[in-house]
PDB file of N, CA and C in Angstrom:
ATOM      1  N   UNK A   1      72.204 110.498 114.422  1.00  0.00           N
ATOM      2  CA  UNK A   1      71.985 111.660 115.658  1.00  0.00           C
ATOM      3  C   UNK A   1      72.600 110.513 116.990  1.00  0.00           C
ATOM      4  N   UNK A   2      73.508 111.190 117.957  1.00  0.00           N
ATOM      5  CA  UNK A   2      73.858 110.384 119.317  1.00  0.00           C
ATOM      6  C   UNK A   2      73.056 109.796 120.132  1.00  0.00           C
ATOM      7  N   UNK A   3      72.997 108.671 120.367  1.00  0.00           N
ATOM      8  CA  UNK A   3      71.910 107.830 121.385  1.00  0.00           C
ATOM      9  C   UNK A   3      72.162 109.042 122.702  1.00  0.00           C
ATOM     10  N   UNK A   4      71.145 109.081 123.360  1.00  0.00           N
ATOM     11  CA  UNK A   4      71.360 109.851 125.037  1.00  0.00           C
ATOM     12  C   UNK A   4      71.223 108.873 125.938  1.00  0.00           C
ATOM     13  N   UNK A   5      72.112 108.987 126.439  1.00  0.00           N
ATOM     14  CA  UNK A   5      72.510 108.282 127.780  1.00  0.00           C
ATOM     15  C   UNK A   5      71.366 108.320 128.739  1.00  0.00           C
ATOM     16  N   UNK A   6      70.752 107.713 129.324  1.00  0.00           N
ATOM     17  CA  UNK A   6      69.979 108.236 130.316  1.00  0.00           C
ATOM     18  C   UNK A   6      70.118 107.955 131.653  1.00  0.00           C
ATOM     19  N   UNK A   7      69.785 109.314 132.307  1.00  0.00           N
ATOM     20  CA  UNK A   7      70.535 109.330 133.772  1.00  0.00           C
ATOM     21  C   UNK A   7      69.929 108.636 134.842  1.00  0.00           C
ATOM     22  N   UNK A   8      70.221 107.999 135.617  1.00  0.00           N
ATOM     23  CA  UNK A   8      69.865 107.205 136.634  1.00  0.00           C
ATOM     24  C   UNK A   8      69.960 107.355 137.974  1.00  0.00           C
ATOM     25  N   UNK A   9      69.242 108.144 138.997  1.00  0.00           N
ATOM     26  CA  UNK A   9      70.008 108.479 140.139  1.00  0.00           C
ATOM     27  C   UNK A   9      70.223 107.798 141.083  1.00  0.00           C
ATOM     28  N   UNK A  10      70.961 107.698 142.248  1.00  0.00           N
ATOM     29  CA  UNK A  10      71.599 106.231 143.249  1.00  0.00           C
ATOM     30  C   UNK A  10      69.965 105.611 143.833  1.00  0.00           C
ATOM     31  N   UNK A  11      69.318 106.550 144.083  1.00  0.00           N
ATOM     32  CA  UNK A  11      68.332 105.621 144.604  1.00  0.00           C
ATOM     33  C   UNK A  11      67.119 105.000 143.453  1.00  0.00           C
ATOM     34  N   UNK A  12      67.423 105.074 142.295  1.00  0.00           N
ATOM     35  CA  UNK A  12      66.390 105.010 141.532  1.00  0.00           C
ATOM     36  C   UNK A  12      67.211 103.762 140.816  1.00  0.00           C
ATOM     37  N   UNK A  13      68.489 103.804 140.735  1.00  0.00           N
ATOM     38  CA  UNK A  13      69.457 102.520 140.434  1.00  0.00           C
ATOM     39  C   UNK A  13      69.769 101.219 141.575  1.00  0.00           C
ATOM     40  N   UNK A  14      69.489 101.763 142.618  1.00  0.00           N
ATOM     41  CA  UNK A  14      69.155 100.669 143.955  1.00  0.00           C
ATOM     42  C   UNK A  14      67.823  99.903 143.654  1.00  0.00           C
ATOM     43  N   UNK A  15      66.834 100.686 143.207  1.00  0.00           N
ATOM     44  CA  UNK A  15      65.565  99.917 142.735  1.00  0.00           C
ATOM     45  C   UNK A  15      66.010  99.083 141.598  1.00  0.00           C
ATOM     46  N   UNK A  16      66.406  99.462 140.426  1.00  0.00           N
ATOM     47  CA  UNK A  16      66.549  98.303 139.500  1.00  0.00           C
ATOM     48  C   UNK A  16      67.667  97.064 139.984  1.00  0.00           C
ATOM     49  N   UNK A  17      68.882  97.416 140.952  1.00  0.00           N
ATOM     50  CA  UNK A  17      69.321  96.787 141.145  1.00  0.00           C
ATOM     51  C   UNK A  17      68.596  95.696 142.373  1.00  0.00           C
ATOM     52  N   UNK A  18      67.840  95.824 142.832  1.00  0.00           N
ATOM     53  CA  UNK A  18      66.790  94.860 143.760  1.00  0.00           C
ATOM     54  C   UNK A  18      65.831  94.520 142.762  1.00  0.00           C
ATOM     55  N   UNK A  19      65.471  94.685 141.559  1.00  0.00           N
ATOM     56  CA  UNK A  19      64.665  93.896 140.582  1.00  0.00           C
ATOM     57  C   UNK A  19      65.637  93.118 139.580  1.00  0.00           C
ATOM     58  N   UNK A  20      66.720  93.477 139.798  1.00  0.00           N
ATOM     59  CA  UNK A  20      67.891  92.323 139.184  1.00  0.00           C
ATOM     60  C   UNK A  20      67.781  91.009 140.008  1.00  0.00           C
ATOM     61  N   UNK A  21      68.098  91.490 141.564  1.00  0.00           N
ATOM     62  CA  UNK A  21      68.276  90.133 142.054  1.00  0.00           C
ATOM     63  C   UNK A  21      67.004  89.649 142.389  1.00  0.00           C
ATOM     64  N   UNK A  22      65.680  90.448 141.961  1.00  0.00           N
ATOM     65  CA  UNK A  22      64.701  89.363 142.256  1.00  0.00           C
ATOM     66  C   UNK A  22      64.542  88.625 141.147  1.00  0.00           C
ATOM     67  N   UNK A  23      64.686  88.979 139.885  1.00  0.00           N
ATOM     68  CA  UNK A  23      64.692  88.100 138.559  1.00  0.00           C
ATOM     69  C   UNK A  23      65.818  86.872 139.133  1.00  0.00           C
ATOM     70  N   UNK A  24      67.257  87.614 139.346  1.00  0.00           N
ATOM     71  CA  UNK A  24      68.183  86.176 139.475  1.00  0.00           C
ATOM     72  C   UNK A  24      67.342  85.142 140.591  1.00  0.00           C
ATOM     73  N   UNK A  25      67.098  85.624 141.434  1.00  0.00           N
ATOM     74  CA  UNK A  25      66.613  84.552 142.729  1.00  0.00           C
ATOM     75  C   UNK A  25      65.639  83.520 142.183  1.00  0.00           C
ATOM     76  N   UNK A  26      64.093  84.708 141.053  1.00  0.00           N
ATOM     77  CA  UNK A  26      63.546  83.735 140.550  1.00  0.00           C
ATOM     78  C   UNK A  26      64.081  82.410 139.670  1.00  0.00           C
ATOM     79  N   UNK A  27      65.361  83.111 138.967  1.00  0.00           N
ATOM     80  CA  UNK A  27      65.414  81.988 138.304  1.00  0.00           C
ATOM     81  C   UNK A  27      66.489  80.925 139.051  1.00  0.00           C
ATOM     82  N   UNK A  28      66.711  81.098 140.062  1.00  0.00           N
ATOM     83  CA  UNK A  28      67.284  79.877 140.924  1.00  0.00           C
ATOM     84  C   UNK A  28      66.517  78.982 141.446  1.00  0.00           C
ATOM     85  N   UNK A  29      65.215  79.922 142.222  1.00  0.00           N
ATOM     86  CA  UNK A  29      64.536  78.980 142.953  1.00  0.00           C
ATOM     87  C   UNK A  29      63.673  77.898 141.627  1.00  0.00           C
ATOM     88  N   UNK A  30      63.690  78.445 140.271  1.00  0.00           N
ATOM     89  CA  UNK A  30      63.237  77.191 139.329  1.00  0.00           C
ATOM     90  C   UNK A  30      64.261  76.483 138.569  1.00  0.00           C
ATOM     91  N   UNK A  31      65.588  76.494 139.579  1.00  0.00           N
ATOM     92  CA  UNK A  31      66.734  75.550 139.225  1.00  0.00           C
ATOM     93  C   UNK A  31      66.941  75.771 137.664  1.00  0.00           C
ATOM     94  N   UNK A  32      66.970  77.068 137.124  1.00  0.00           N
ATOM     95  CA  UNK A  32      67.521  77.286 135.727  1.00  0.00           C
ATOM     96  C   UNK A  32      68.467  77.791 135.535  1.00  0.00           C
ATOM     97  N   UNK A  33      69.455  77.024 134.688  1.00  0.00           N
ATOM     98  CA  UNK A  33      70.614  77.568 134.286  1.00  0.00           C
ATOM     99  C   UNK A  33      70.729  78.974 133.600  1.00  0.00           C
ATOM    100  N   UNK A  34      71.896  79.564 133.651  1.00  0.00           N
ATOM    101  CA  UNK A  34      72.159  81.035 132.871  1.00  0.00           C
ATOM    102  C   UNK A  34      71.759  80.412 131.379  1.00  0.00           C
ATOM    103  N   UNK A  35      72.217  79.100 130.794  1.00  0.00           N
ATOM    104  CA  UNK A  35      72.431  78.862 129.809  1.00  0.00           C
ATOM    105  C   UNK A  35      71.107  78.596 129.129  1.00  0.00           C
ATOM    106  N   UNK A  36      69.876  78.144 130.137  1.00  0.00           N
ATOM    107  CA  UNK A  36      68.888  77.342 129.839  1.00  0.00           C
ATOM    108  C   UNK A  36      67.918  78.736 129.404  1.00  0.00           C
ATOM    109  N   UNK A  37      68.122  79.894 130.388  1.00  0.00           N
ATOM    110  CA  UNK A  37      67.285  80.953 130.282  1.00  0.00           C
ATOM    111  C   UNK A  37      67.845  81.888 129.315  1.00  0.00           C
ATOM    112  N   UNK A  38      69.150  82.051 128.637  1.00  0.00           N
ATOM    113  CA  UNK A  38      69.927  82.663 127.443  1.00  0.00           C
ATOM    114  C   UNK A  38      69.031  82.415 126.201  1.00  0.00           C
ATOM    115  N   UNK A  39      69.002  80.954 126.391  1.00  0.00           N
ATOM    116  CA  UNK A  39      68.733  79.968 124.958  1.00  0.00           C
ATOM    117  C   UNK A  39      66.975  80.423 125.066  1.00  0.00           C
ATOM    118  N   UNK A  40      66.207  80.489 126.036  1.00  0.00           N
ATOM    119  CA  UNK A  40      65.069  80.230 125.628  1.00  0.00           C
ATOM    120  C   UNK A  40      64.084  81.769 125.498  1.00  0.00           C
ATOM    121  N   UNK A  41      65.304  83.057 125.999  1.00  0.00           N
ATOM    122  CA  UNK A  41      64.857  84.266 126.029  1.00  0.00           C
ATOM    123  C   UNK A  41      65.480  84.572 124.984  1.00  0.00           C
ATOM    124  N   UNK A  42      66.200  83.918 123.903  1.00  0.00           N
ATOM    125  CA  UNK A  42      66.893  84.756 122.897  1.00  0.00           C
ATOM    126  C   UNK A  42      67.617  85.823 123.032  1.00  0.00           C
ATOM    127  N   UNK A  43      68.691  85.739 124.083  1.00  0.00           N
ATOM    128  CA  UNK A  43      69.471  87.140 124.469  1.00  0.00           C
ATOM    129  C   UNK A  43      70.977  86.094 124.875  1.00  0.00           C
ATOM    130  N   UNK A  44      71.754  87.228 124.902  1.00  0.00           N
ATOM    131  CA  UNK A  44      73.421  86.665 125.189  1.00  0.00           C
ATOM    132  C   UNK A  44      73.678  86.205 127.005  1.00  0.00           C
ATOM    133  N   UNK A  45      74.472  85.875 127.031  1.00  0.00           N
ATOM    134  CA  UNK A  45      74.822  85.908 128.296  1.00  0.00           C
ATOM    135  C   UNK A  45      75.232  86.772 129.333  1.00  0.00           C
ATOM    136  N   UNK A  46      75.657  87.703 128.430  1.00  0.00           N
ATOM    137  CA  UNK A  46      76.281  89.058 129.453  1.00  0.00           C
ATOM    138  C   UNK A  46      75.046  89.718 129.381  1.00  0.00           C
ATOM    139  N   UNK A  47      74.086  89.904 128.627  1.00  0.00           N
ATOM    140  CA  UNK A  47      72.743  90.651 128.576  1.00  0.00           C
ATOM    141  C   UNK A  47      72.045  89.924 129.720  1.00  0.00           C
ATOM    142  N   UNK A  48      71.907  88.422 130.143  1.00  0.00           N
ATOM    143  CA  UNK A  48      71.474  88.085 131.123  1.00  0.00           C
ATOM    144  C   UNK A  48      72.053  88.433 132.734  1.00  0.00           C
ATOM    145  N   UNK A  49      72.989  88.611 132.391  1.00  0.00           N
ATOM    146  CA  UNK A  49      74.274  89.108 133.457  1.00  0.00           C
ATOM    147  C   UNK A  49      73.821  90.412 134.144  1.00  0.00           C
ATOM    148  N   UNK A  50      73.489  91.146 133.002  1.00  0.00           N
ATOM    149  CA  UNK A  50      73.251  92.679 132.941  1.00  0.00           C
ATOM    150  C   UNK A  50      71.935  92.874 133.629  1.00  0.00           C
ATOM    151  N   UNK A  51      71.308  91.984 133.305  1.00  0.00           N
ATOM    152  CA  UNK A  51      69.525  92.191 134.011  1.00  0.00           C
ATOM    153  C   UNK A  51      69.582  91.574 135.096  1.00  0.00           C
ATOM    154  N   UNK A  52      70.450  90.640 135.737  1.00  0.00           N
ATOM    155  CA  UNK A  52      70.728  90.342 137.073  1.00  0.00           C
ATOM    156  C   UNK A  52      71.229  91.065 137.810  1.00  0.00           C
ATOM    157  N   UNK A  53      71.931  91.841 136.933  1.00  0.00           N
ATOM    158  CA  UNK A  53      72.679  93.038 138.014  1.00  0.00           C
ATOM    159  C   UNK A  53      72.019  94.356 138.045  1.00  0.00           C
ATOM    160  N   UNK A  54      70.488  94.476 137.533  1.00  0.00           N
ATOM    161  CA  UNK A  54      69.716  95.502 137.632  1.00  0.00           C
ATOM    162  C   UNK A  54      70.012  96.723 136.586  1.00  0.00           C
ATOM    163  N   UNK A  55      70.915  96.266 135.616  1.00  0.00           N
ATOM    164  CA  UNK A  55      71.442  97.446 134.590  1.00  0.00           C
ATOM    165  C   UNK A  55      70.214  97.949 134.137  1.00  0.00           C
ATOM    166  N   UNK A  56      70.453  99.750 134.098  1.00  0.00           N
ATOM    167  CA  UNK A  56      69.425 100.339 133.175  1.00  0.00           C
ATOM    168  C   UNK A  56      69.561 100.338 131.313  1.00  0.00           C
ATOM    169  N   UNK A  57      70.629 100.116 130.806  1.00  0.00           N
ATOM    170  CA  UNK A  57      71.023  99.996 129.805  1.00  0.00           C
ATOM    171  C   UNK A  57      70.295  98.878 128.906  1.00  0.00           C
ATOM    172  N   UNK A  58      69.677  97.961 129.443  1.00  0.00           N
ATOM    173  CA  UNK A  58      69.125  97.065 129.107  1.00  0.00           C
ATOM    174  C   UNK A  58      67.660  97.239 128.360  1.00  0.00           C
ATOM    175  N   UNK A  59      67.738  96.674 127.071  1.00  0.00           N
ATOM    176  CA  UNK A  59      66.233  96.972 126.948  1.00  0.00           C
ATOM    177  C   UNK A  59      64.889  96.512 127.611  1.00  0.00           C
ATOM    178  N   UNK A  60      64.052  97.261 127.455  1.00  0.00           N
ATOM    179  CA  UNK A  60      62.662  96.433 128.083  1.00  0.00           C
ATOM    180  C   UNK A  60      62.094  95.160 127.663  1.00  0.00           C
ATOM    181  N   UNK A  61      62.284  95.277 125.953  1.00  0.00           N
ATOM    182  CA  UNK A  61      61.999  93.691 125.299  1.00  0.00           C
ATOM    183  C   UNK A  61      62.891  92.728 126.487  1.00  0.00           C
ATOM    184  N   UNK A  62      64.176  93.037 126.492  1.00  0.00           N
ATOM    185  CA  UNK A  62      65.117  91.476 127.207  1.00  0.00           C
ATOM    186  C   UNK A  62      64.583  91.473 128.494  1.00  0.00           C
ATOM    187  N   UNK A  63      64.216  92.444 129.381  1.00  0.00           N
ATOM    188  CA  UNK A  63      63.613  92.274 130.574  1.00  0.00           C
ATOM    189  C   UNK A  63      62.435  91.165 130.389  1.00  0.00           C
ATOM    190  N   UNK A  64      61.551  91.592 129.451  1.00  0.00           N
ATOM    191  CA  UNK A  64      60.310  91.253 129.238  1.00  0.00           C
ATOM    192  C   UNK A  64      60.581  89.550 129.130  1.00  0.00           C
ATOM    193  N   UNK A  65      61.439  89.388 127.797  1.00  0.00           N
ATOM    194  CA  UNK A  65      61.613  87.975 127.383  1.00  0.00           C
ATOM    195  C   UNK A  65      62.110  86.980 128.745  1.00  0.00           C
ATOM    196  N   UNK A  66      62.859  87.443 129.680  1.00  0.00           N
ATOM    197  CA  UNK A  66      63.360  86.697 130.590  1.00  0.00           C
ATOM    198  C   UNK A  66      62.373  86.728 131.752  1.00  0.00           C
ATOM    199  N   UNK A  67      61.617  87.697 131.903  1.00  0.00           N
ATOM    200  CA  UNK A  67      60.431  87.081 132.697  1.00  0.00           C
ATOM    201  C   UNK A  67      59.378  86.164 132.156  1.00  0.00           C
ATOM    202  N   UNK A  68      59.335  86.403 130.839  1.00  0.00           N
ATOM    203  CA  UNK A  68      58.593  85.405 130.041  1.00  0.00           C
ATOM    204  C   UNK A  68      58.984  83.963 130.298  1.00  0.00           C
ATOM    205  N   UNK A  69      60.167  83.588 130.560  1.00  0.00           N
ATOM    206  CA  UNK A  69      60.883  82.379 130.876  1.00  0.00           C
ATOM    207  C   UNK A  69      60.529  81.836 131.994  1.00  0.00           C
ATOM    208  N   UNK A  70      60.564  82.944 132.911  1.00  0.00           N
ATOM    209  CA  UNK A  70      60.550  82.499 134.211  1.00  0.00           C
ATOM    210  C   UNK A  70      59.349  82.505 134.587  1.00  0.00           C
ATOM    211  N   UNK A  71      57.825  82.905 133.762  1.00  0.00           N
ATOM    212  CA  UNK A  71      56.973  82.629 133.840  1.00  0.00           C
ATOM    213  C   UNK A  71      55.906  83.980 134.540  1.00  0.00           C
ATOM    214  N   UNK A  72      56.783  84.868 134.337  1.00  0.00           N
ATOM    215  CA  UNK A  72      56.449  86.074 135.771  1.00  0.00           C
ATOM    216  C   UNK A  72      56.287  87.366 134.329  1.00  0.00           C
ATOM    217  N   UNK A  73      55.986  87.114 133.529  1.00  0.00           N
ATOM    218  CA  UNK A  73      55.375  88.580 132.563  1.00  0.00           C
ATOM    219  C   UNK A  73      54.220  89.356 133.057  1.00  0.00           C
ATOM    220  N   UNK A  74      53.623  88.574 133.487  1.00  0.00           N
ATOM    221  CA  UNK A  74      52.318  89.664 133.902  1.00  0.00           C
ATOM    222  C   UNK A  74      52.689  90.300 135.216  1.00  0.00           C
ATOM    223  N   UNK A  75      53.795  90.358 135.331  1.00  0.00           N
ATOM    224  CA  UNK A  75      54.070  91.314 136.269  1.00  0.00           C
ATOM    225  C   UNK A  75      54.483  92.510 135.881  1.00  0.00           C
ATOM    226  N   UNK A  76      54.430  92.654 134.536  1.00  0.00           N
ATOM    227  CA  UNK A  76      54.881  93.857 133.804  1.00  0.00           C
ATOM    228  C   UNK A  76      53.146  94.686 133.578  1.00  0.00           C
ATOM    229  N   UNK A  77      52.126  94.052 134.299  1.00  0.00           N
ATOM    230  CA  UNK A  77      50.976  94.659 134.132  1.00  0.00           C
ATOM    231  C   UNK A  77      51.025  95.505 135.328  1.00  0.00           C
ATOM    232  N   UNK A  78      52.064  95.190 136.373  1.00  0.00           N
ATOM    233  CA  UNK A  78      51.753  95.955 137.594  1.00  0.00           C
ATOM    234  C   UNK A  78      52.476  96.864 137.841  1.00  0.00           C
ATOM    235  N   UNK A  79      53.232  97.620 136.347  1.00  0.00           N
ATOM    236  CA  UNK A  79      53.977  98.638 136.453  1.00  0.00           C
ATOM    237  C   UNK A  79      52.728  99.621 136.200  1.00  0.00           C
ATOM    238  N   UNK A  80      52.952 100.655 137.254  1.00  0.00           N
ATOM    239  CA  UNK A  80      52.014 102.189 137.343  1.00  0.00           C
ATOM    240  C   UNK A  80      50.515 101.697 137.424  1.00  0.00           C
ATOM    241  N   UNK A  81      50.217 100.679 138.181  1.00  0.00           N
ATOM    242  CA  UNK A  81      48.903  99.958 138.332  1.00  0.00           C
ATOM    243  C   UNK A  81      48.681 100.813 139.494  1.00  0.00           C
ATOM    244  N   UNK A  82      49.200 100.664 140.704  1.00  0.00           N
ATOM    245  CA  UNK A  82      48.972 101.864 141.974  1.00  0.00           C
ATOM    246  C   UNK A  82      49.220 102.825 141.502  1.00  0.00           C
ATOM    247  N   UNK A  83      48.440 103.716 140.910  1.00  0.00           N
ATOM    248  CA  UNK A  83      48.882 105.215 140.800  1.00  0.00           C
ATOM    249  C   UNK A  83      48.148 106.292 141.893  1.00  0.00           C
ATOM    250  N   UNK A  84      48.340 105.936 142.954  1.00  0.00           N
ATOM    251  CA  UNK A  84      47.562 107.261 144.308  1.00  0.00           C
ATOM    252  C   UNK A  84      47.525 108.336 143.610  1.00  0.00           C
ATOM    253  N   UNK A  85      48.760 108.744 143.552  1.00  0.00           N
ATOM    254  CA  UNK A  85      48.954 110.118 143.310  1.00  0.00           C
ATOM    255  C   UNK A  85      48.136 110.886 141.725  1.00  0.00           C
ATOM    256  N   UNK A  86      48.360 110.162 140.779  1.00  0.00           N
ATOM    257  CA  UNK A  86      47.531 110.605 139.459  1.00  0.00           C
ATOM    258  C   UNK A  86      46.100 110.613 139.494  1.00  0.00           C
ATOM    259  N   UNK A  87      45.544 109.534 140.390  1.00  0.00           N
ATOM    260  CA  UNK A  87      44.227 109.147 140.920  1.00  0.00           C
ATOM    261  C   UNK A  87      43.683 110.537 141.162  1.00  0.00           C
ATOM    262  N   UNK A  88      44.707 110.945 142.543  1.00  0.00           N
ATOM    263  CA  UNK A  88      44.094 112.133 143.553  1.00  0.00           C
ATOM    264  C   UNK A  88      44.038 113.183 142.765  1.00  0.00           C
ATOM    265  N   UNK A  89      45.451 113.073 141.493  1.00  0.00           N
ATOM    266  CA  UNK A  89      45.237 114.651 140.574  1.00  0.00           C
ATOM    267  C   UNK A  89      44.081 114.746 139.574  1.00  0.00           C
ATOM    268  N   UNK A  90      43.760 113.547 139.479  1.00  0.00           N
ATOM    269  CA  UNK A  90      42.413 113.447 138.847  1.00  0.00           C
ATOM    270  C   UNK A  90      40.877 113.486 138.990  1.00  0.00           C
ATOM    271  N   UNK A  91      40.808 113.273 140.398  1.00  0.00           N
ATOM    272  CA  UNK A  91      39.686 113.305 141.033  1.00  0.00           C
ATOM    273  C   UNK A  91      39.749 115.098 141.525  1.00  0.00           C
ATOM    274  N   UNK A  92      40.647 115.641 141.413  1.00  0.00           N
ATOM    275  CA  UNK A  92      40.981 117.271 141.961  1.00  0.00           C
ATOM    276  C   UNK A  92      40.045 118.003 140.232  1.00  0.00           C
ATOM    277  N   UNK A  93      40.612 117.463 139.287  1.00  0.00           N
ATOM    278  CA  UNK A  93      40.067 118.068 138.294  1.00  0.00           C
ATOM    279  C   UNK A  93      38.410 118.001 138.410  1.00  0.00           C
ATOM    280  N   UNK A  94      38.097 116.896 138.722  1.00  0.00           N
ATOM    281  CA  UNK A  94      36.402 116.595 138.626  1.00  0.00           C
ATOM    282  C   UNK A  94      35.924 117.096 139.409  1.00  0.00           C
ATOM    283  N   UNK A  95      36.344 118.301 140.692  1.00  0.00           N
ATOM    284  CA  UNK A  95      35.825 119.228 141.409  1.00  0.00           C
ATOM    285  C   UNK A  95      35.577 120.661 141.057  1.00  0.00           C
TER     286      UNK A  95
END
């Protein structure tokens, strides 16, 4: 079965690009080379390049491993943590 390509709209692509830039800046602040990160994260140089560009085709596991190298893996716990809309919908069901 052919793999489905994920459709990413420009606004969401920009968010991914910002995330990639933040990961790149975090690496540079720690004075880690790309070679150090790829070895520790067990990924290729090209994958790190794609992560730092915010490419959507990279697996979430690769993103997680890079964040782990940067000691930022707990940032994943912030994803969808502030769900104001979901909480409001849940509250409406309770009424």
